[in-house]
Amino acid sequence: MGLDDKIKNAAQDLAGKAKEAVGKATNDDSKVAEGQKDQAAASVKQTGEDVKDVFKK
């Protein structure tokens, strides 16, 4: 996995955590859900990249 992909996944995860925190602070359930969705997407991408790395070896 390239460093660029790792950075993008980490950024998406952090953005999701920030959205979730803002949503909780403002009682905005849709923002909480959006943040959780972003975190889940980043996790799925990371897992996919990890699987690719295993097969490269």
Protein backbone atom coordinates (compact mmCIF):
# COMPACT_ATOMS: atom_id res chain seq x y z
CA MET A 1 0.00 0.00 0.00
CA GLY A 2 1.31 3.41 -0.85
CA LEU A 3 1.92 6.06 1.70
CA ASP A 4 -0.55 8.27 -0.14
CA ASP A 5 -3.35 5.72 0.41
CA LYS A 6 -2.50 5.40 4.10
CA ILE A 7 -2.65 9.18 4.52
CA LYS A 8 -5.99 9.42 2.69
CA ASN A 9 -7.51 6.65 4.81
CA ALA A 10 -6.25 8.23 8.03
CA ALA A 11 -7.57 11.63 6.96
CA GLN A 12 -11.00 10.17 6.16
CA ASP A 13 -11.06 8.41 9.53
CA LEU A 14 -10.13 11.60 11.38
CA ALA A 15 -12.71 13.61 9.46
CA GLY A 16 -15.33 11.03 10.39
CA LYS A 17 -14.36 11.21 14.05
CA ALA A 18 -14.58 15.00 13.93
CA LYS A 19 -18.04 14.90 12.29
CA GLU A 20 -19.22 12.41 14.88
CA ALA A 21 -17.94 14.59 17.73
CA VAL A 22 -19.60 17.71 16.31
CA GLY A 23 -22.83 15.78 15.84
CA LYS A 24 -22.78 14.58 19.44
CA ALA A 25 -22.02 18.07 20.72
CA THR A 26 -24.89 19.59 18.75
CA ASN A 27 -27.35 16.67 19.12
CA ASP A 28 -27.32 16.23 15.33
CA ASP A 29 -27.93 12.52 14.79
CA SER A 30 -27.45 12.79 11.03
CA LYS A 31 -23.97 14.28 11.52
CA VAL A 32 -23.11 11.50 14.00
CA ALA A 33 -24.24 8.89 11.46
CA GLU A 34 -22.31 10.59 8.66
CA GLY A 35 -19.16 10.59 10.78
CA GLN A 36 -19.58 6.92 11.61
CA LYS A 37 -20.14 6.14 7.92
CA ASP A 38 -16.91 7.94 7.00
CA GLN A 39 -15.00 6.00 9.64
CA ALA A 40 -16.44 2.71 8.42
CA ALA A 41 -15.53 3.52 4.82
CA ALA A 42 -11.97 4.34 5.83
CA SER A 43 -11.76 1.07 7.74
CA VAL A 44 -12.99 -0.95 4.76
CA LYS A 45 -10.47 0.76 2.47
CA GLN A 46 -7.69 0.09 4.96
CA THR A 47 -8.63 -3.57 5.21
CA GLY A 48 -8.67 -3.88 1.43
CA GLU A 49 -5.22 -2.33 1.19
CA ASP A 50 -3.94 -4.65 3.94
CA VAL A 51 -5.21 -7.67 1.99
CA LYS A 52 -3.43 -6.41 -1.13
CA ASP A 53 -0.23 -6.03 0.87
CA VAL A 54 -0.44 -9.64 2.07
CA PHE A 55 -0.64 -10.93 -1.49
CA LYS A 56 2.24 -8.74 -2.67
CA LYS A 57 4.63 -10.56 -0.35
